[in-house]
Protein backbone atom coordinates (compact mmCIF):
# COMPACT_ATOMS: atom_id res chain seq x y z
CA UNK A 1 -20.15 -20.96 -54.13
CA UNK A 2 -22.47 -23.20 -56.15
CA UNK A 3 -20.54 -23.07 -59.42
CA UNK A 4 -17.58 -25.41 -59.29
CA UNK A 5 -18.90 -27.38 -56.33
CA UNK A 6 -19.64 -31.12 -56.21
CA UNK A 7 -23.44 -30.26 -56.54
CA UNK A 8 -22.72 -28.36 -59.67
CA UNK A 9 -20.73 -31.24 -61.22
CA UNK A 10 -23.59 -33.62 -60.24
CA UNK A 11 -26.31 -31.43 -61.71
CA UNK A 12 -24.33 -30.85 -64.90
CA UNK A 13 -24.06 -34.60 -65.39
CA UNK A 14 -27.69 -35.09 -64.48
CA UNK A 15 -28.66 -32.47 -67.12
CA UNK A 16 -27.59 -34.83 -69.93
CA UNK A 17 -29.72 -37.74 -68.64
CA UNK A 18 -32.75 -35.29 -68.25
CA UNK A 19 -32.49 -33.94 -71.74
CA UNK A 20 -32.07 -37.46 -73.16
CA UNK A 21 -34.92 -38.85 -71.03
CA UNK A 22 -37.15 -35.95 -71.92
CA UNK A 23 -36.65 -36.41 -75.67
CA UNK A 24 -37.17 -40.19 -75.40
CA UNK A 25 -40.45 -39.82 -73.41
CA UNK A 26 -41.70 -37.31 -75.95
CA UNK A 27 -40.91 -39.59 -78.85
CA UNK A 28 -42.64 -42.60 -77.11
CA UNK A 29 -45.72 -40.42 -76.26
CA UNK A 30 -45.86 -39.47 -79.87
CA UNK A 31 -45.86 -43.09 -80.99
CA UNK A 32 -48.39 -44.17 -78.41
CA UNK A 33 -50.90 -41.48 -79.59
CA UNK A 34 -50.67 -42.76 -83.15
CA UNK A 35 -51.05 -46.58 -82.37
CA UNK A 36 -54.31 -48.37 -82.82
CA UNK A 37 -56.49 -48.97 -79.71
CA UNK A 38 -59.24 -51.16 -78.29
CA UNK A 39 -60.76 -53.63 -80.77
CA UNK A 40 -58.44 -52.63 -83.52
CA UNK A 41 -55.46 -53.66 -81.39
CA UNK A 42 -57.16 -57.02 -80.54
CA UNK A 43 -57.90 -57.68 -84.23
CA UNK A 44 -54.23 -57.14 -84.87
CA UNK A 45 -53.40 -59.90 -82.46
CA UNK A 46 -51.79 -57.73 -79.77
CA UNK A 47 -51.09 -59.63 -76.50
CA UNK A 48 -53.63 -58.62 -73.73
CA UNK A 49 -50.76 -57.49 -71.42
CA UNK A 50 -49.26 -55.16 -74.12
CA UNK A 51 -52.82 -53.67 -74.71
CA UNK A 52 -53.26 -53.13 -71.03
CA UNK A 53 -49.87 -51.35 -70.65
CA UNK A 54 -50.46 -49.41 -73.84
CA UNK A 55 -53.95 -48.28 -72.65
CA UNK A 56 -52.63 -47.28 -69.35
CA UNK A 57 -49.97 -45.09 -71.10
CA UNK A 58 -52.37 -43.77 -73.52
CA UNK A 59 -54.83 -42.53 -70.88
CA UNK A 60 -51.85 -40.62 -69.39
CA UNK A 61 -50.27 -39.36 -72.56
CA UNK A 62 -50.79 -35.71 -71.78
CA UNK A 63 -49.01 -36.03 -68.46
CA UNK A 64 -46.23 -38.01 -70.06
CA UNK A 65 -45.74 -35.12 -72.53
CA UNK A 66 -45.90 -32.51 -69.76
CA UNK A 67 -43.26 -34.54 -67.86
CA UNK A 68 -41.00 -34.86 -70.99
CA UNK A 69 -41.12 -31.11 -71.40
CA UNK A 70 -40.29 -30.69 -67.70
CA UNK A 71 -37.30 -33.01 -67.93
CA UNK A 72 -36.02 -31.26 -71.04
CA UNK A 73 -36.35 -27.72 -69.49
CA UNK A 74 -34.96 -28.75 -66.25
CA UNK A 75 -31.94 -30.40 -68.00
CA UNK A 76 -31.21 -27.25 -69.98
CA UNK A 77 -31.47 -25.22 -66.78
CA UNK A 78 -28.95 -27.29 -65.11
CA UNK A 79 -26.66 -27.16 -68.25
CA UNK A 80 -26.98 -23.35 -68.43
CA UNK A 81 -24.71 -23.04 -65.37
CA UNK A 82 -21.75 -24.20 -67.55
CA UNK A 83 -19.45 -27.20 -67.77
CA UNK A 84 -17.74 -27.43 -64.33
CA UNK A 85 -14.56 -28.94 -66.02
CA UNK A 86 -14.26 -25.82 -68.24
CA UNK A 87 -14.74 -23.50 -65.22
CA UNK A 88 -12.11 -25.45 -63.20
CA UNK A 89 -9.67 -25.26 -66.11
CA UNK A 90 -10.24 -21.38 -66.51
CA UNK A 91 -9.87 -21.00 -62.79
CA UNK A 92 -6.52 -22.86 -62.93
CA UNK A 93 -5.33 -20.51 -65.74
CA UNK A 94 -6.35 -17.45 -63.82
CA UNK A 95 -4.40 -18.68 -60.69
CA UNK A 96 -1.35 -19.46 -62.83
CA UNK A 97 -1.52 -16.08 -64.42
CA UNK A 98 -1.66 -14.50 -61.01
CA UNK A 99 1.36 -16.33 -59.79
CA UNK A 100 3.44 -15.55 -62.81
CA UNK A 101 2.43 -11.89 -62.99
CA UNK A 102 3.04 -11.09 -59.35
CA UNK A 103 6.05 -12.81 -57.83
CA UNK A 104 7.02 -10.36 -55.12
CA UNK A 105 6.03 -12.71 -52.25
CA UNK A 106 3.21 -10.58 -50.99
CA UNK A 107 -0.23 -11.94 -50.16
CA UNK A 108 -1.90 -13.14 -53.46
CA UNK A 109 -5.04 -11.25 -52.39
CA UNK A 110 -3.25 -8.00 -52.90
CA UNK A 111 -3.06 -8.78 -56.66
CA UNK A 112 -6.07 -10.12 -58.56
CA UNK A 113 -6.97 -11.40 -61.96
CA UNK A 114 -10.63 -11.01 -62.86
CA UNK A 115 -12.48 -12.13 -66.00
CA UNK A 116 -15.35 -10.09 -67.05
CA UNK A 117 -17.99 -11.25 -69.70
CA UNK A 118 -19.92 -8.80 -71.90
CA UNK A 119 -23.66 -9.29 -71.47
CA UNK A 120 -26.21 -7.30 -73.37
CA UNK A 121 -28.80 -8.09 -70.73
CA UNK A 122 -27.80 -8.67 -67.16
CA UNK A 123 -30.09 -10.09 -64.54
CA UNK A 124 -28.16 -8.48 -61.81
CA UNK A 125 -28.60 -9.10 -58.09
CA UNK A 126 -30.83 -12.09 -58.19
CA UNK A 127 -28.48 -14.38 -60.07
CA UNK A 128 -24.96 -12.87 -60.00
CA UNK A 129 -24.99 -11.01 -56.72
CA UNK A 130 -22.99 -8.22 -58.58
CA UNK A 131 -24.71 -4.89 -58.04
CA UNK A 132 -24.20 -1.21 -58.78
CA UNK A 133 -26.73 0.00 -56.33
CA UNK A 134 -27.71 -0.61 -52.69
CA UNK A 135 -31.27 -1.06 -53.89
CA UNK A 136 -31.65 -4.75 -54.45
CA UNK A 137 -34.86 -4.26 -56.39
CA UNK A 138 -33.05 -2.10 -58.86
CA UNK A 139 -29.35 -3.30 -58.83
CA UNK A 140 -28.39 -1.64 -62.02
CA UNK A 141 -28.49 1.98 -60.62
CA UNK A 142 -30.48 4.96 -61.37
CA UNK A 143 -30.96 5.60 -65.12
CA UNK A 144 -29.81 2.09 -66.13
CA UNK A 145 -31.69 -1.17 -66.62
CA UNK A 146 -31.49 -4.77 -67.53
CA UNK A 147 -30.38 -4.41 -71.04
CA UNK A 148 -28.21 -1.42 -70.95
CA UNK A 149 -25.10 -3.49 -71.74
CA UNK A 150 -22.79 -4.77 -68.93
CA UNK A 151 -19.37 -6.28 -68.12
CA UNK A 152 -20.18 -8.83 -65.53
CA UNK A 153 -17.52 -10.54 -63.38
CA UNK A 154 -17.61 -14.28 -63.97
CA UNK A 155 -14.30 -15.60 -62.34
CA UNK A 156 -11.44 -14.49 -60.21
CA UNK A 157 -8.06 -15.82 -59.32
CA UNK A 158 -7.22 -17.13 -55.89
CA UNK A 159 -9.39 -18.60 -53.18
CA UNK A 160 -9.41 -15.80 -50.63
CA UNK A 161 -10.66 -12.92 -52.91
CA UNK A 162 -13.11 -14.57 -55.32
CA UNK A 163 -16.18 -12.56 -54.13
CA UNK A 164 -17.11 -10.41 -57.11
CA UNK A 165 -19.81 -7.79 -56.33
CA UNK A 166 -19.79 -5.15 -59.14
CA UNK A 167 -20.76 -5.10 -62.81
CA UNK A 168 -19.77 -2.19 -65.03
CA UNK A 169 -21.87 -0.44 -67.66
CA UNK A 170 -20.83 -1.13 -71.24
CA UNK A 171 -23.51 0.32 -73.59
CA UNK A 172 -22.90 -0.51 -77.19
CA UNK A 173 -24.83 2.56 -78.39
CA UNK A 174 -22.55 4.92 -76.44
CA UNK A 175 -19.19 3.38 -75.54
CA UNK A 176 -18.06 6.73 -74.00
CA UNK A 177 -20.29 5.79 -71.05
CA UNK A 178 -18.48 2.51 -70.39
CA UNK A 179 -17.40 2.27 -66.74
CA UNK A 180 -14.33 1.04 -64.97
CA UNK A 181 -10.87 -0.03 -66.37
CA UNK A 182 -12.77 -3.00 -67.83
CA UNK A 183 -15.12 -0.63 -69.66
CA UNK A 184 -12.14 1.39 -70.96
CA UNK A 185 -10.49 -1.69 -72.40
CA UNK A 186 -13.87 -2.88 -73.89
CA UNK A 187 -14.74 0.42 -75.46
CA UNK A 188 -11.25 1.06 -76.94
CA UNK A 189 -10.71 -2.54 -77.93
CA UNK A 190 -7.19 -2.29 -76.72
CA UNK A 191 -5.02 -2.82 -73.56
CA UNK A 192 -5.34 -0.26 -70.85
CA UNK A 193 -2.70 0.26 -68.17
CA UNK A 194 -3.21 2.60 -65.13
CA UNK A 195 -0.48 3.09 -62.48
CA UNK A 196 0.31 5.33 -59.55
CA UNK A 197 -3.32 5.90 -58.72
CA UNK A 198 -4.15 7.92 -55.55
CA UNK A 199 -3.96 5.85 -52.42
CA UNK A 200 -7.44 5.56 -50.79
CA UNK A 201 -8.68 6.30 -48.20
CA UNK A 202 -6.94 9.59 -48.16
CA UNK A 203 -7.22 12.91 -46.32
CA UNK A 204 -6.76 14.74 -49.62
CA UNK A 205 -10.07 16.10 -50.90
CA UNK A 206 -8.94 15.61 -54.53
CA UNK A 207 -8.02 12.02 -54.17
CA UNK A 208 -11.35 10.39 -54.59
CA UNK A 209 -12.43 12.44 -57.56
CA UNK A 210 -9.08 11.90 -59.16
CA UNK A 211 -9.34 8.15 -58.61
CA UNK A 212 -12.89 8.09 -60.09
CA UNK A 213 -11.93 10.05 -63.18
CA UNK A 214 -8.75 8.07 -63.98
CA UNK A 215 -10.56 4.69 -63.57
CA UNK A 216 -13.75 5.83 -65.18
CA UNK A 217 -15.54 4.64 -62.07
CA UNK A 218 -18.76 6.46 -60.93
CA UNK A 219 -17.96 8.54 -57.77
CA UNK A 220 -20.84 6.81 -55.96
CA UNK A 221 -19.26 3.38 -56.60
CA UNK A 222 -15.87 4.61 -55.19
CA UNK A 223 -17.78 5.94 -52.10
CA UNK A 224 -19.48 2.58 -51.65
CA UNK A 225 -16.22 0.68 -51.94
CA UNK A 226 -14.70 2.95 -49.20
CA UNK A 227 -17.73 2.69 -46.92
CA UNK A 228 -17.49 -1.07 -47.10
CA UNK A 229 -13.78 -1.06 -46.24
CA UNK A 230 -12.76 -2.40 -49.67
CA UNK A 231 -9.00 -2.05 -50.30
CA UNK A 232 -8.56 0.15 -53.46
CA UNK A 233 -6.25 -1.02 -56.09
CA UNK A 234 -3.45 1.44 -57.03
CA UNK A 235 -2.80 -0.01 -60.50
CA UNK A 236 -4.75 -1.74 -63.10
CA UNK A 237 -4.13 -3.57 -66.42
CA UNK A 238 -6.95 -4.65 -68.69
CA UNK A 239 -7.08 -6.29 -72.10
CA UNK A 240 -10.02 -7.33 -74.23
CA UNK A 241 -10.70 -11.03 -74.91
CA UNK A 242 -11.99 -11.81 -78.40
CA UNK A 243 -13.96 -14.99 -79.39
CA UNK A 244 -14.74 -15.38 -83.14
CA UNK A 245 -13.48 -11.81 -83.88
CA UNK A 246 -15.92 -10.44 -81.39
CA UNK A 247 -15.14 -8.98 -77.98
CA UNK A 248 -16.23 -11.72 -75.51
CA UNK A 249 -15.15 -9.86 -72.47
CA UNK A 250 -12.15 -8.27 -70.65
CA UNK A 251 -9.32 -9.60 -68.50
CA UNK A 252 -8.36 -7.21 -65.60
CA UNK A 253 -5.37 -7.29 -63.32
CA UNK A 254 -5.41 -5.09 -60.27
CA UNK A 255 -2.93 -4.60 -57.60
CA UNK A 256 -2.37 -2.67 -54.41
CA UNK A 257 1.08 -1.79 -55.65
CA UNK A 258 1.63 1.28 -57.62
CA UNK A 259 2.44 -0.60 -60.83
CA UNK A 260 1.36 -3.82 -62.51
CA UNK A 261 3.38 -6.18 -64.75
CA UNK A 262 2.98 -5.73 -68.50
CA UNK A 263 0.06 -7.78 -70.04
């Protein structure tokens, strides 16, 4: 995974140099444009070498300015991926939370802690690889779009179950349409606990509809999970995360056990 890798750390450090370099080049270019040229510079007693260098730079000032803008934009693009040190710290906390919450000795991948972030507009498949539809050209699903409001997975505990493939609808204009246990906690702004969910796959016809209803998950998503052989959690716990008195996202615990520890 790119985020958290050595390349990510290198690019994040490089971003600072690019932003600083772009700003300096832009400032120098502005100064060059305003300085005297030609005979005026000679009359002021400028050394010939300085005039030669200045003239060379002045003739290329437009390219210097374009380069400065490119450095600045590239630096902010690299910085947009987030501080790797912060990500590593959050990953550590999620792993510790997982260890403390589930201490029954089973495989840690049976119990997960996932952090979802609320995003008004979500770019979907092309950047996050989290989708709601098999159509990669319209990953938000039929009837929804880029800025419908989404809870997007950003980080998960462990090292064997970190692949996060589904974002959930969370429209601010109609919170009743919020999806998943994460959407339930987000729309209610309170902790949600679901236990003793139907075990899937199951031969019982009512098991899938009951699971979808209790977890506020669209039936087609449940079908997609089962078709891909994804183990279905039998219990969930979710609580909203607030930053500056606003809901930043949701923390979700899920387990293959029929109950989850209190959160």
